[in-house]
Amino acid sequence: MQRDRYRVWVDQAGIIHTAFHHVVSEEALVESFKQRQIITTIPTPVMVHADHIIDADQRGMELACGDAMTQSTTAMAIIAKGHMARFYARVFLRYHKPAYPVRIFACEYTAHEWLRQYQNQDMVREICHPGWFNQYPNAEQVH
């Protein structure tokens, strides 16, 4: 699912990936959350790719730890390789720490391994069978 401000996809392990481009705004967060709901309504681990973030608004950060996000997220790994990405990730955790587990990683592989402990097997069974992506042609599958 490609948008100009964000991208949402699911991998074969059932982990939802979200990449924000430039600004994590309230609007981008709401729209990306709607895309997540198209993929599944079952709570899942989320990997946020934060390297292209150059700004985040207050309301967007508040929504990231709000009730809807908390009920649909089992854990979040934030991939932050650059200085700005790490800065915004730290600000988010310091002032808006969600109720679900969150960690900052420089390496996607390490983040993926950490998130696996929070996988919901019902969700993995729901979306990780070959016919799922045929039912949802707007969903993007990453191998």
Protein backbone atom coordinates (compact mmCIF):
# COMPACT_ATOMS: atom_id res chain seq x y z
CA MET A 1 0.00 0.00 0.00
CA GLN A 2 1.79 3.06 -1.20
CA ARG A 3 0.96 6.61 -0.23
CA ASP A 4 3.10 9.71 -0.56
CA ARG A 5 3.47 10.15 3.22
CA TYR A 6 3.65 6.56 4.39
CA ARG A 7 3.83 2.96 3.27
CA VAL A 8 2.30 -0.06 5.03
CA TRP A 9 3.02 -3.70 4.25
CA VAL A 10 3.15 -7.11 5.90
CA ASP A 11 5.94 -9.65 5.71
CA GLN A 12 5.65 -13.43 5.63
CA ALA A 13 6.15 -13.65 9.40
CA GLY A 14 3.00 -11.59 9.95
CA ILE A 15 4.80 -8.44 11.08
CA ILE A 16 3.26 -5.17 9.94
CA HIS A 17 5.79 -2.67 8.56
CA THR A 18 5.16 1.06 8.38
CA ALA A 19 7.51 3.57 6.79
CA PHE A 20 6.78 7.25 7.16
CA HIS A 21 8.26 9.68 4.66
CA HIS A 22 9.44 12.98 6.10
CA VAL A 23 6.71 13.86 8.64
CA VAL A 24 4.79 11.69 11.09
CA SER A 25 1.63 13.77 11.12
CA GLU A 26 -1.76 13.07 12.62
CA GLU A 27 -3.20 12.61 9.12
CA ALA A 28 -0.46 10.20 7.97
CA LEU A 29 -0.78 8.17 11.17
CA VAL A 30 -4.57 7.89 10.87
CA GLU A 31 -4.37 6.87 7.21
CA SER A 32 -1.61 4.33 7.81
CA PHE A 33 -3.63 2.88 10.70
CA LYS A 34 -6.60 2.42 8.36
CA GLN A 35 -4.33 0.53 5.98
CA ARG A 36 -3.22 -1.70 8.86
CA GLN A 37 -6.87 -2.43 9.61
CA ILE A 38 -7.36 -3.58 6.01
CA ILE A 39 -4.57 -6.11 6.52
CA THR A 40 -5.90 -7.38 9.86
CA THR A 41 -7.82 -6.32 12.93
CA ILE A 42 -5.93 -8.83 15.09
CA PRO A 43 -3.28 -7.20 17.36
CA THR A 44 0.16 -7.52 15.74
CA PRO A 45 3.78 -6.51 16.17
CA VAL A 46 4.77 -3.44 14.14
CA MET A 47 8.11 -2.42 12.69
CA VAL A 48 8.38 1.32 12.03
CA HIS A 49 11.03 2.34 9.51
CA ALA A 50 11.99 5.79 10.74
CA ASP A 51 15.06 6.71 8.70
CA HIS A 52 13.22 9.13 6.41
CA ILE A 53 11.48 10.99 9.22
CA ILE A 54 12.57 14.61 9.53
CA ASP A 55 9.72 15.84 11.72
CA ALA A 56 6.86 14.56 13.86
CA ASP A 57 3.91 16.56 15.09
CA GLN A 58 2.64 16.40 18.66
CA ARG A 59 -0.78 14.98 17.76
CA GLY A 60 0.78 12.25 15.61
CA MET A 61 2.94 11.11 18.52
CA GLU A 62 -0.06 11.17 20.87
CA LEU A 63 -2.09 9.02 18.47
CA ALA A 64 0.74 6.48 18.26
CA CYS A 65 0.17 5.62 21.90
CA GLY A 66 -3.60 6.14 21.96
CA ASP A 67 -6.25 3.52 22.62
CA ALA A 68 -6.75 2.35 19.02
CA MET A 69 -3.03 1.83 18.47
CA THR A 70 -2.55 0.21 21.87
CA GLN A 71 -5.36 -2.27 21.23
CA SER A 72 -3.99 -3.26 17.82
CA THR A 73 -0.25 -3.39 18.56
CA THR A 74 1.48 -6.14 20.54
CA ALA A 75 4.93 -4.50 20.29
CA MET A 76 6.78 -1.93 18.20
CA ALA A 77 10.33 -1.92 16.90
CA ILE A 78 11.55 1.41 15.59
CA ILE A 79 14.32 1.15 13.00
CA ALA A 80 16.38 4.30 13.44
CA LYS A 81 19.78 4.26 11.76
CA GLY A 82 20.34 7.99 11.33
CA HIS A 83 20.78 10.73 13.92
CA MET A 84 17.43 12.43 13.23
CA ALA A 85 15.55 9.15 13.29
CA ARG A 86 17.09 8.20 16.64
CA PHE A 87 16.34 11.68 18.00
CA TYR A 88 12.62 11.47 17.12
CA ALA A 89 12.40 7.89 18.39
CA ARG A 90 13.88 8.93 21.73
CA VAL A 91 11.56 11.96 21.98
CA PHE A 92 8.59 9.69 21.25
CA LEU A 93 9.60 7.22 23.96
CA ARG A 94 10.42 9.89 26.49
CA TYR A 95 7.21 11.91 26.20
CA HIS A 96 4.68 9.51 24.68
CA LYS A 97 5.73 6.01 25.74
CA PRO A 98 2.98 3.58 24.70
CA ALA A 99 1.59 0.82 26.90
CA TYR A 100 2.94 -1.84 24.51
CA PRO A 101 6.66 -2.78 24.45
CA VAL A 102 8.79 -0.51 22.24
CA ARG A 103 12.49 -0.67 21.41
CA ILE A 104 14.75 1.30 19.09
CA PHE A 105 17.02 -0.67 16.75
CA ALA A 106 19.69 0.21 14.22
CA CYS A 107 19.37 -3.20 12.55
CA GLU A 108 16.19 -4.52 10.93
CA TYR A 109 17.19 -8.17 11.44
CA THR A 110 17.63 -7.70 15.20
CA ALA A 111 14.34 -5.84 15.41
CA HIS A 112 12.56 -8.60 13.50
CA GLU A 113 13.94 -11.25 15.85
CA TRP A 114 12.81 -9.25 18.91
CA LEU A 115 9.30 -8.73 17.46
CA ARG A 116 8.81 -12.46 16.80
CA GLN A 117 8.19 -13.05 20.53
CA TYR A 118 5.13 -10.78 20.26
CA GLN A 119 3.62 -12.45 17.19
CA ASN A 120 -0.01 -13.42 17.31
CA GLN A 121 -0.26 -16.89 15.79
CA ASP A 122 -3.89 -16.30 14.80
CA MET A 123 -2.77 -13.35 12.73
CA VAL A 124 0.08 -15.30 11.16
CA ARG A 125 -2.34 -18.07 10.16
CA GLU A 126 -4.84 -15.50 8.87
CA ILE A 127 -2.57 -13.65 6.49
CA CYS A 128 0.33 -15.97 5.80
CA HIS A 129 -1.48 -18.46 3.63
CA PRO A 130 -1.16 -18.13 -0.17
CA GLY A 131 -4.78 -17.11 -0.82
CA TRP A 132 -4.82 -14.13 1.54
CA PHE A 133 -3.12 -11.73 -0.87
CA ASN A 134 -5.50 -12.79 -3.64
CA GLN A 135 -8.40 -11.61 -1.44
CA TYR A 136 -6.78 -8.22 -0.82
CA PRO A 137 -5.19 -7.03 -4.06
CA ASN A 138 -4.19 -3.67 -2.54
CA ALA A 139 -2.04 -5.38 0.08
CA GLU A 140 1.65 -5.71 -0.61
CA GLN A 141 3.50 -8.90 0.21
CA VAL A 142 7.24 -8.80 0.86
CA HIS A 143 9.25 -12.00 0.60
